[in-house]
């Protein structure tokens, strides 16, 4: 993959802040139509391939061609690295005039990683109108781990985004992002291809980092979400932690007074480790 094909640092900062990236109409219409045929013909059965190298799958299928497009592969590589692992996929076919309730959820609440993340990919092979519903996401929710469907009682959250889009649009989501499938009040069925991939390398500086010092990055990381309210301080710390991990640098702090980043440097475990070292020194003096 050419470095210039990969995402830049400004775009990666948007992913850290929002928990997802949306690319409209990046898949050609002919491939969209061919992918629907592949789904209808059952060409995508891969449930016995969990843990396999992703690019070993669907080599002779339109869906495989979609994920091997340079534009798509570059996005995946920027977020996961060059050799992602297949986790699972699911084909959502929301029938016309279907009413859904209590569907807001978070995938994989068993995930105990502090920094690394899987990637959820939502590919829309058809146009999705507002009446058709589409996938809804809550920007900035990926740091809020919950018990799967425990948030299902929330029907509307300030700032939520519904995927009203044209065919060929793809969402690339942090695996902890809150999302749901909305009711389809239209006369047409709604089709969604959902895929989950795992990283096989440490997710550090996988993208094009030529703009790593762009001043816009800190502005993006400091943007407020309308529903965070007084918890924005915690959000700041979570973003700083993830960004520091992904760039392999423990120093960046985007807050104006440089206060919240320093909180990470003063974590209790660090103080505890210093205390242990001090005790060890005292013990050694006594023993001498």
Protein backbone atom coordinates (compact mmCIF):
# COMPACT_ATOMS: atom_id res chain seq x y z
CA UNK A 1 0.00 0.00 0.00
CA UNK A 2 1.41 3.39 -0.99
CA UNK A 3 1.79 5.76 1.93
CA UNK A 4 -0.14 8.45 0.07
CA UNK A 5 -3.17 6.15 -0.23
CA UNK A 6 -3.50 5.82 3.55
CA UNK A 7 -5.57 8.10 5.76
CA UNK A 8 -3.89 11.22 7.15
CA UNK A 9 -3.51 12.22 10.79
CA UNK A 10 -6.34 14.77 10.70
CA UNK A 11 -8.78 12.06 9.55
CA UNK A 12 -7.48 9.66 12.19
CA UNK A 13 -8.05 12.32 14.86
CA UNK A 14 -11.69 12.51 13.70
CA UNK A 15 -11.97 8.76 14.20
CA UNK A 16 -10.56 9.03 17.73
CA UNK A 17 -12.98 11.84 18.56
CA UNK A 18 -16.17 10.55 16.88
CA UNK A 19 -15.57 6.80 16.93
CA UNK A 20 -16.33 6.34 13.22
CA UNK A 21 -15.60 7.56 9.71
CA UNK A 22 -18.13 7.77 6.88
CA UNK A 23 -17.19 7.61 3.20
CA UNK A 24 -20.05 8.29 0.81
CA UNK A 25 -20.36 6.47 -2.53
CA UNK A 26 -16.82 5.08 -2.54
CA UNK A 27 -17.99 1.79 -4.10
CA UNK A 28 -18.94 1.93 -7.80
CA UNK A 29 -22.56 1.18 -8.63
CA UNK A 30 -21.70 -1.92 -10.68
CA UNK A 31 -19.89 -3.49 -7.73
CA UNK A 32 -22.83 -2.66 -5.48
CA UNK A 33 -25.15 -4.56 -7.81
CA UNK A 34 -22.73 -7.49 -8.07
CA UNK A 35 -22.40 -7.63 -4.27
CA UNK A 36 -26.18 -7.97 -3.94
CA UNK A 37 -26.06 -10.90 -6.33
CA UNK A 38 -23.29 -12.51 -4.25
CA UNK A 39 -25.44 -12.12 -1.14
CA UNK A 40 -28.49 -13.59 -2.87
CA UNK A 41 -26.46 -16.56 -4.16
CA UNK A 42 -25.01 -17.31 -0.74
CA UNK A 43 -21.39 -16.82 -1.86
CA UNK A 44 -20.29 -15.25 1.41
CA UNK A 45 -20.53 -18.15 3.85
CA UNK A 46 -17.42 -17.80 6.04
CA UNK A 47 -18.61 -18.63 9.53
CA UNK A 48 -16.05 -21.46 9.78
CA UNK A 49 -13.26 -19.01 8.91
CA UNK A 50 -13.16 -17.08 12.18
CA UNK A 51 -9.57 -16.02 12.81
CA UNK A 52 -8.49 -16.41 9.19
CA UNK A 53 -6.48 -13.72 7.35
CA UNK A 54 -9.21 -11.49 5.97
CA UNK A 55 -7.81 -11.14 2.46
CA UNK A 56 -7.83 -14.92 2.02
CA UNK A 57 -11.65 -14.79 1.95
CA UNK A 58 -14.02 -14.18 -0.99
CA UNK A 59 -11.25 -14.17 -3.57
CA UNK A 60 -13.68 -14.82 -6.42
CA UNK A 61 -16.62 -12.79 -5.15
CA UNK A 62 -17.76 -9.23 -5.80
CA UNK A 63 -17.67 -8.61 -2.04
CA UNK A 64 -14.01 -9.61 -1.98
CA UNK A 65 -13.36 -7.20 -4.87
CA UNK A 66 -14.98 -4.40 -2.88
CA UNK A 67 -12.70 -4.85 0.11
CA UNK A 68 -9.65 -5.16 -2.13
CA UNK A 69 -10.26 -1.77 -3.74
CA UNK A 70 -7.31 0.50 -2.96
CA UNK A 71 -9.51 3.15 -1.36
CA UNK A 72 -11.21 0.64 0.96
CA UNK A 73 -8.11 -1.37 1.77
CA UNK A 74 -6.20 1.82 2.60
CA UNK A 75 -8.83 2.82 5.17
CA UNK A 76 -8.77 -0.63 6.79
CA UNK A 77 -4.97 -0.68 6.85
CA UNK A 78 -4.80 2.80 8.38
CA UNK A 79 -6.97 1.64 11.29
CA UNK A 80 -5.99 -2.02 11.73
CA UNK A 81 -2.75 -2.62 9.87
CA UNK A 82 -1.88 -4.55 6.69
CA UNK A 83 -3.10 -8.04 7.64
CA UNK A 84 -6.42 -7.86 9.52
CA UNK A 85 -8.12 -10.97 10.83
CA UNK A 86 -11.66 -12.00 9.96
CA UNK A 87 -14.00 -12.02 12.97
CA UNK A 88 -17.49 -12.36 11.52
CA UNK A 89 -20.00 -10.80 9.18
CA UNK A 90 -23.75 -10.48 9.14
CA UNK A 91 -26.25 -9.60 6.43
CA UNK A 92 -29.04 -7.39 7.73
CA UNK A 93 -32.14 -7.34 5.55
CA UNK A 94 -34.71 -5.03 7.13
CA UNK A 95 -38.05 -5.73 5.54
CA UNK A 96 -40.36 -2.94 4.40
CA UNK A 97 -42.79 -1.57 7.00
CA UNK A 98 -40.81 -3.03 9.92
CA UNK A 99 -40.99 -1.21 13.24
CA UNK A 100 -38.01 -1.59 15.59
CA UNK A 101 -37.74 -0.57 19.24
CA UNK A 102 -35.10 -0.94 21.94
CA UNK A 103 -32.30 -1.71 19.49
CA UNK A 104 -29.53 0.71 20.52
CA UNK A 105 -26.58 -1.43 21.62
CA UNK A 106 -22.83 -1.88 21.77
CA UNK A 107 -21.11 -4.91 20.25
CA UNK A 108 -18.60 -7.08 22.10
CA UNK A 109 -18.87 -5.89 25.69
CA UNK A 110 -16.51 -8.76 26.56
CA UNK A 111 -13.68 -6.69 25.07
CA UNK A 112 -11.37 -5.68 27.95
CA UNK A 113 -8.65 -3.95 25.92
CA UNK A 114 -7.61 -0.51 27.12
CA UNK A 115 -6.44 0.85 23.77
CA UNK A 116 -6.67 -1.46 20.77
CA UNK A 117 -9.98 -1.90 18.97
CA UNK A 118 -11.69 -3.99 16.30
CA UNK A 119 -13.30 -2.41 13.27
CA UNK A 120 -16.99 -2.65 12.41
CA UNK A 121 -17.66 -2.00 8.72
CA UNK A 122 -21.16 -1.21 7.47
CA UNK A 123 -21.57 -1.31 3.70
CA UNK A 124 -24.77 -0.04 2.09
CA UNK A 125 -25.21 -1.53 -1.43
CA UNK A 126 -28.50 0.39 -1.96
CA UNK A 127 -29.64 3.97 -1.47
CA UNK A 128 -31.02 4.49 2.05
CA UNK A 129 -33.70 7.15 2.43
CA UNK A 130 -34.74 8.73 5.70
CA UNK A 131 -37.97 6.75 5.58
CA UNK A 132 -35.98 3.52 5.21
CA UNK A 133 -34.27 4.18 8.56
CA UNK A 134 -30.68 3.05 8.16
CA UNK A 135 -27.99 2.46 10.77
CA UNK A 136 -27.90 5.02 13.56
CA UNK A 137 -24.67 5.85 15.42
CA UNK A 138 -23.99 7.98 18.49
CA UNK A 139 -20.75 9.93 17.88
CA UNK A 140 -18.35 9.89 20.80
CA UNK A 141 -19.94 6.88 22.51
CA UNK A 142 -17.06 4.45 21.93
CA UNK A 143 -15.41 5.19 25.29
CA UNK A 144 -18.61 4.35 27.19
CA UNK A 145 -18.60 0.59 27.71
CA UNK A 146 -22.03 -0.76 28.59
CA UNK A 147 -23.68 -4.14 28.91
CA UNK A 148 -24.62 -4.67 25.26
CA UNK A 149 -28.33 -3.82 24.97
CA UNK A 150 -28.61 -2.05 28.34
CA UNK A 151 -28.93 1.25 26.45
CA UNK A 152 -31.80 -0.07 24.30
CA UNK A 153 -34.33 1.99 26.24
CA UNK A 154 -32.81 5.20 24.83
CA UNK A 155 -34.64 6.02 21.63
CA UNK A 156 -33.05 9.37 20.79
CA UNK A 157 -29.76 10.95 21.92
CA UNK A 158 -28.72 14.50 21.08
CA UNK A 159 -26.23 14.47 18.22
CA UNK A 160 -27.07 10.98 16.93
CA UNK A 161 -26.47 10.40 13.23
CA UNK A 162 -28.66 8.29 10.94
CA UNK A 163 -27.15 6.75 7.82
CA UNK A 164 -29.25 8.33 5.10
CA UNK A 165 -26.97 7.77 2.14
CA UNK A 166 -26.44 6.71 -1.46
CA UNK A 167 -25.47 3.21 -2.56
CA UNK A 168 -21.77 2.47 -2.12
CA UNK A 169 -21.43 4.29 1.20
CA UNK A 170 -19.41 2.65 3.99
CA UNK A 171 -19.14 3.38 7.72
CA UNK A 172 -15.94 2.36 9.51
CA UNK A 173 -16.72 2.18 13.22
CA UNK A 174 -14.78 1.65 16.44
CA UNK A 175 -16.01 -1.68 17.80
CA UNK A 176 -17.43 -0.05 20.95
CA UNK A 177 -19.50 2.62 19.19
CA UNK A 178 -23.19 2.67 20.16
CA UNK A 179 -25.39 1.95 17.15
CA UNK A 180 -28.74 0.54 16.10
CA UNK A 181 -30.83 -0.42 13.10
CA UNK A 182 -33.80 1.91 12.75
CA UNK A 183 -37.37 1.17 11.71
CA UNK A 184 -38.03 0.82 8.01
CA UNK A 185 -41.24 2.70 7.17
CA UNK A 186 -40.69 2.58 3.42
CA UNK A 187 -42.05 0.24 0.75
CA UNK A 188 -38.58 -1.21 0.06
CA UNK A 189 -36.41 -3.66 1.99
CA UNK A 190 -33.15 -2.23 3.39
CA UNK A 191 -29.92 -4.20 2.91
CA UNK A 192 -26.77 -3.84 5.02
CA UNK A 193 -23.58 -5.87 4.95
CA UNK A 194 -21.82 -5.71 8.33
CA UNK A 195 -18.29 -6.98 8.87
CA UNK A 196 -16.02 -7.14 11.93
CA UNK A 197 -12.23 -7.33 11.60
CA UNK A 198 -9.48 -7.67 14.23
CA UNK A 199 -5.99 -6.14 14.16
CA UNK A 200 -2.97 -8.45 14.12
CA UNK A 201 -0.40 -5.74 14.88
CA UNK A 202 -0.11 -2.95 17.41
CA UNK A 203 -2.24 -0.05 16.17
CA UNK A 204 0.51 2.55 16.28
CA UNK A 205 1.22 4.95 13.38
CA UNK A 206 -0.36 2.73 10.75
CA UNK A 207 -1.51 5.67 8.62
CA UNK A 208 0.25 8.44 6.69
CA UNK A 209 1.74 10.53 9.51
CA UNK A 210 3.23 13.32 7.39
CA UNK A 211 0.73 15.76 8.94
CA UNK A 212 1.16 14.47 12.50
CA UNK A 213 1.93 18.00 13.77
CA UNK A 214 -1.02 19.69 12.07
CA UNK A 215 -2.58 22.14 14.55
CA UNK A 216 -6.07 21.07 13.45
CA UNK A 217 -5.59 17.71 15.17
CA UNK A 218 -5.70 19.10 18.69
CA UNK A 219 -8.78 21.15 17.79
CA UNK A 220 -10.57 18.04 16.52
CA UNK A 221 -9.63 16.02 19.60
CA UNK A 222 -11.01 18.80 21.81
CA UNK A 223 -14.41 19.13 20.11
CA UNK A 224 -17.39 18.80 22.44
CA UNK A 225 -20.20 16.33 21.84
CA UNK A 226 -23.64 17.82 22.54
CA UNK A 227 -24.67 14.91 24.79
CA UNK A 228 -21.52 14.67 26.92
CA UNK A 229 -22.44 17.60 29.14
CA UNK A 230 -20.35 17.67 32.33
CA UNK A 231 -18.62 14.42 31.45
CA UNK A 232 -16.58 16.12 28.73
CA UNK A 233 -13.59 16.12 31.08
CA UNK A 234 -13.59 12.33 31.18
CA UNK A 235 -14.00 12.30 27.43
CA UNK A 236 -10.91 14.49 27.08
CA UNK A 237 -8.84 12.05 29.12
CA UNK A 238 -10.08 9.07 27.09
CA UNK A 239 -9.25 10.75 23.80
CA UNK A 240 -5.80 11.75 25.02
CA UNK A 241 -5.10 8.19 26.11
CA UNK A 242 -6.13 6.67 22.78
CA UNK A 243 -4.32 9.29 20.69
CA UNK A 244 -1.12 8.90 22.71
CA UNK A 245 -1.27 5.15 22.19
CA UNK A 246 -1.92 5.39 18.44
CA UNK A 247 0.93 7.82 17.80
CA UNK A 248 3.31 6.11 20.20
CA UNK A 249 3.95 9.32 22.14
CA UNK A 250 2.95 9.78 25.82
CA UNK A 251 3.07 13.59 25.80
CA UNK A 252 0.34 15.24 23.62
CA UNK A 253 -2.38 17.18 25.45
CA UNK A 254 -5.00 19.16 23.52
CA UNK A 255 -6.65 20.94 26.48
CA UNK A 256 -5.95 24.66 26.70
CA UNK A 257 -4.66 24.61 30.27
CA UNK A 258 -2.79 21.31 29.79
CA UNK A 259 -4.63 20.03 32.85
CA UNK A 260 -6.38 16.85 31.77
CA UNK A 261 -3.41 15.24 30.11
CA UNK A 262 -1.42 15.63 33.30
CA UNK A 263 -4.10 13.62 35.11
CA UNK A 264 -2.90 10.61 33.14
CA UNK A 265 0.64 11.20 34.34
CA UNK A 266 -0.61 11.23 37.94
CA UNK A 267 -2.55 7.97 37.81
CA UNK A 268 -2.61 6.12 41.16
CA UNK A 269 -0.71 3.14 39.75
CA UNK A 270 2.21 5.43 38.95
CA UNK A 271 2.16 6.88 42.46
CA UNK A 272 1.90 3.35 43.85
CA UNK A 273 4.91 2.22 41.82
CA UNK A 274 6.91 5.19 43.06
CA UNK A 275 5.93 4.32 46.63
CA UNK A 276 7.05 0.73 46.15
CA UNK A 277 10.38 1.90 44.82
CA UNK A 278 10.80 4.19 47.83
CA UNK A 279 9.99 1.35 50.23
CA UNK A 280 12.44 -0.92 48.45
CA UNK A 281 15.14 1.69 48.89
CA UNK A 282 14.36 2.04 52.61
CA UNK A 283 14.43 -1.72 53.08
CA UNK A 284 17.79 -1.92 51.37
CA UNK A 285 19.19 0.78 53.64
CA UNK A 286 17.90 -1.00 56.73
CA UNK A 287 19.29 -4.35 55.63
CA UNK A 288 22.70 -2.79 55.13
